[in-house]
Amino acid sequence: MSMLTIDSCMWAYYFDEDAPEHPFVTVPIDKALRSERIVINTVIIMEVAHFLIKNLGPIIGKDKLDVFLSFPFVISNLDYDVTLEAIEQLRSYSHLRIGGRDATVIATMKRLGFNKIMTHDEAFKKLDWLEVIDPLQKIR
C-alpha cells in the first residue's frame, strides 16, 4: 500500500458540503481512504481544525473535525528535526511560492520517503519530484 498526503485544502472541500469543489473531491478522497496509507502531519490537522471551526462554526466544525480525526491516518509530529528540514525546504523552494506550512508537508514526506500528494495547491505542482493528484485540475 503506497503512502499519500492529502493536503488541508482537499479536506476543507471534502467537509464543506457548500463548497463548489465538494462534489469533485469526495470520491477521490473516499477511494484514497480505502486504498492508500494516508499520511498527515500535525500542521495539516491544525489547518483543517482552523478551517472547520472558523467556517462551519464551533459545533458543526467540531463534529466534522471528530470525523476527520477518526480516519486511520499515519500522523507525523512536527518535531525539531522536521522543523529544521522544513526550514531547508522553505529556503530551497520559497521562490516557487512554497510557504512555511507547505514546507512542513514536504519535510514530512521526505522524512517518511514518499512523494505523492493530493492537492489543488499550484506551488506543489512546480516540484518535479512530487506526484501531484489534483481532482480539480480538469474543472478549472
Protein backbone atom coordinates (compact mmCIF):
# COMPACT_ATOMS: atom_id res chain seq x y z
CA MET A 1 0.00 0.00 0.00
CA SER A 2 1.54 3.31 -1.05
CA MET A 3 1.60 6.45 1.07
CA LEU A 4 -0.25 9.64 0.18
CA THR A 5 -0.60 13.02 1.82
CA ILE A 6 -3.94 14.74 1.39
CA ASP A 7 -3.43 18.48 1.74
CA SER A 8 -5.61 20.58 4.02
CA CYS A 9 -7.35 22.33 1.10
CA MET A 10 -8.73 18.97 -0.05
CA TRP A 11 -10.10 18.23 3.42
CA ALA A 12 -11.74 21.68 3.52
CA TYR A 13 -13.55 20.92 0.24
CA TYR A 14 -14.41 17.42 1.46
CA PHE A 15 -16.07 18.54 4.68
CA ASP A 16 -17.70 21.77 3.44
CA GLU A 17 -20.71 20.48 1.53
CA ASP A 18 -21.46 24.02 0.27
CA ALA A 19 -18.05 24.38 -1.38
CA PRO A 20 -18.29 24.19 -5.18
CA GLU A 21 -15.31 21.81 -5.11
CA HIS A 22 -17.02 19.36 -2.72
CA PRO A 23 -18.56 17.00 -5.30
CA PHE A 24 -15.26 16.72 -7.16
CA VAL A 25 -13.14 15.66 -4.17
CA THR A 26 -15.41 13.28 -2.25
CA VAL A 27 -14.97 10.22 -4.49
CA PRO A 28 -11.16 10.57 -4.87
CA ILE A 29 -10.70 11.08 -1.11
CA ASP A 30 -13.04 8.21 -0.20
CA LYS A 31 -11.15 5.98 -2.64
CA ALA A 32 -7.79 7.06 -1.19
CA LEU A 33 -9.01 6.34 2.35
CA ARG A 34 -9.73 2.75 1.25
CA SER A 35 -6.63 2.12 -0.83
CA GLU A 36 -3.73 4.25 0.48
CA ARG A 37 -1.88 4.85 3.72
CA ILE A 38 -2.82 8.49 4.33
CA VAL A 39 -0.03 10.45 6.00
CA ILE A 40 -0.69 13.84 7.54
CA ASN A 41 1.32 15.98 9.87
CA THR A 42 0.18 17.94 12.88
CA VAL A 43 0.23 21.16 10.84
CA ILE A 44 -2.40 19.73 8.46
CA ILE A 45 -4.53 18.74 11.47
CA MET A 46 -4.38 22.31 12.77
CA GLU A 47 -5.15 23.81 9.36
CA VAL A 48 -8.20 21.55 8.96
CA ALA A 49 -9.35 22.32 12.52
CA HIS A 50 -8.97 26.05 11.87
CA PHE A 51 -10.97 25.86 8.62
CA LEU A 52 -13.79 23.71 10.00
CA ILE A 53 -14.35 25.63 13.22
CA LYS A 54 -13.89 29.06 11.62
CA ASN A 55 -16.10 28.36 8.59
CA LEU A 56 -18.66 25.85 9.85
CA GLY A 57 -18.91 27.05 13.45
CA PRO A 58 -17.79 25.60 16.76
CA ILE A 59 -20.42 22.84 16.88
CA ILE A 60 -20.69 21.57 13.29
CA GLY A 61 -16.99 22.27 12.76
CA LYS A 62 -16.03 20.23 15.83
CA ASP A 63 -18.34 17.38 14.80
CA LYS A 64 -16.69 17.24 11.36
CA LEU A 65 -13.25 17.52 12.96
CA ASP A 66 -14.08 14.47 15.09
CA VAL A 67 -14.90 12.55 11.90
CA PHE A 68 -11.65 13.74 10.32
CA LEU A 69 -9.62 12.64 13.35
CA SER A 70 -11.30 9.22 13.34
CA PHE A 71 -9.75 8.32 9.97
CA PRO A 72 -6.85 5.83 10.16
CA PHE A 73 -4.07 8.29 9.39
CA VAL A 74 -0.36 7.93 9.87
CA ILE A 75 0.29 11.12 11.83
CA SER A 76 3.73 12.70 11.82
CA ASN A 77 4.58 15.19 14.53
CA LEU A 78 6.25 18.48 13.79
CA ASP A 79 9.31 17.91 15.95
CA TYR A 80 12.54 19.88 15.98
CA ASP A 81 14.27 17.80 13.29
CA VAL A 82 11.31 18.03 10.92
CA THR A 83 11.13 21.76 11.61
CA LEU A 84 14.79 22.16 10.63
CA GLU A 85 14.15 20.15 7.46
CA ALA A 86 11.06 22.30 6.74
CA ILE A 87 13.22 25.42 7.02
CA GLU A 88 15.59 23.91 4.43
CA GLN A 89 12.64 23.16 2.15
CA LEU A 90 11.37 26.71 2.60
CA ARG A 91 14.83 28.02 1.70
CA SER A 92 15.00 25.78 -1.36
CA TYR A 93 11.51 26.38 -2.71
CA SER A 94 10.33 29.79 -1.50
CA HIS A 95 10.90 31.17 -4.99
CA LEU A 96 8.21 28.70 -6.17
CA ARG A 97 5.72 30.11 -3.63
CA ILE A 98 6.15 27.29 -1.11
CA GLY A 99 5.33 28.75 2.29
CA GLY A 100 6.12 27.60 5.79
CA ARG A 101 3.17 25.25 6.22
CA ASP A 102 3.75 23.65 2.81
CA ALA A 103 7.43 23.26 3.70
CA THR A 104 6.39 21.18 6.75
CA VAL A 105 4.40 18.89 4.43
CA ILE A 106 7.39 18.47 2.12
CA ALA A 107 9.71 17.79 5.08
CA THR A 108 7.29 15.16 6.41
CA MET A 109 7.12 13.43 3.04
CA LYS A 110 10.90 13.44 2.67
CA ARG A 111 11.36 12.07 6.18
CA LEU A 112 8.98 9.19 5.51
CA GLY A 113 10.29 8.57 1.99
CA PHE A 114 7.32 9.11 -0.32
CA ASN A 115 6.33 11.71 -2.89
CA LYS A 116 2.58 11.51 -3.58
CA ILE A 117 0.18 14.30 -2.57
CA MET A 118 -3.45 15.14 -3.32
CA THR A 119 -3.77 18.91 -3.50
CA HIS A 120 -5.05 21.80 -5.56
CA ASP A 121 -2.14 23.99 -4.45
CA GLU A 122 -0.32 25.18 -7.58
CA ALA A 123 3.00 25.58 -5.73
CA PHE A 124 3.31 21.83 -5.14
CA LYS A 125 2.83 21.24 -8.87
CA LYS A 126 6.08 23.12 -9.54
CA LEU A 127 8.14 20.47 -7.73
CA ASP A 128 9.02 17.94 -10.41
CA TRP A 129 9.85 15.19 -7.91
CA LEU A 130 6.31 15.25 -6.47
CA GLU A 131 3.47 13.17 -7.87
CA VAL A 132 0.53 15.56 -7.55
CA ILE A 133 -3.04 14.31 -7.76
CA ASP A 134 -5.47 17.19 -8.34
CA PRO A 135 -9.12 16.13 -8.64
CA LEU A 136 -9.99 19.73 -9.54
CA GLN A 137 -7.49 20.13 -12.37
CA LYS A 138 -9.96 19.32 -15.13
CA ILE A 139 -12.80 21.52 -13.87
CA ARG A 140 -10.95 24.84 -13.79
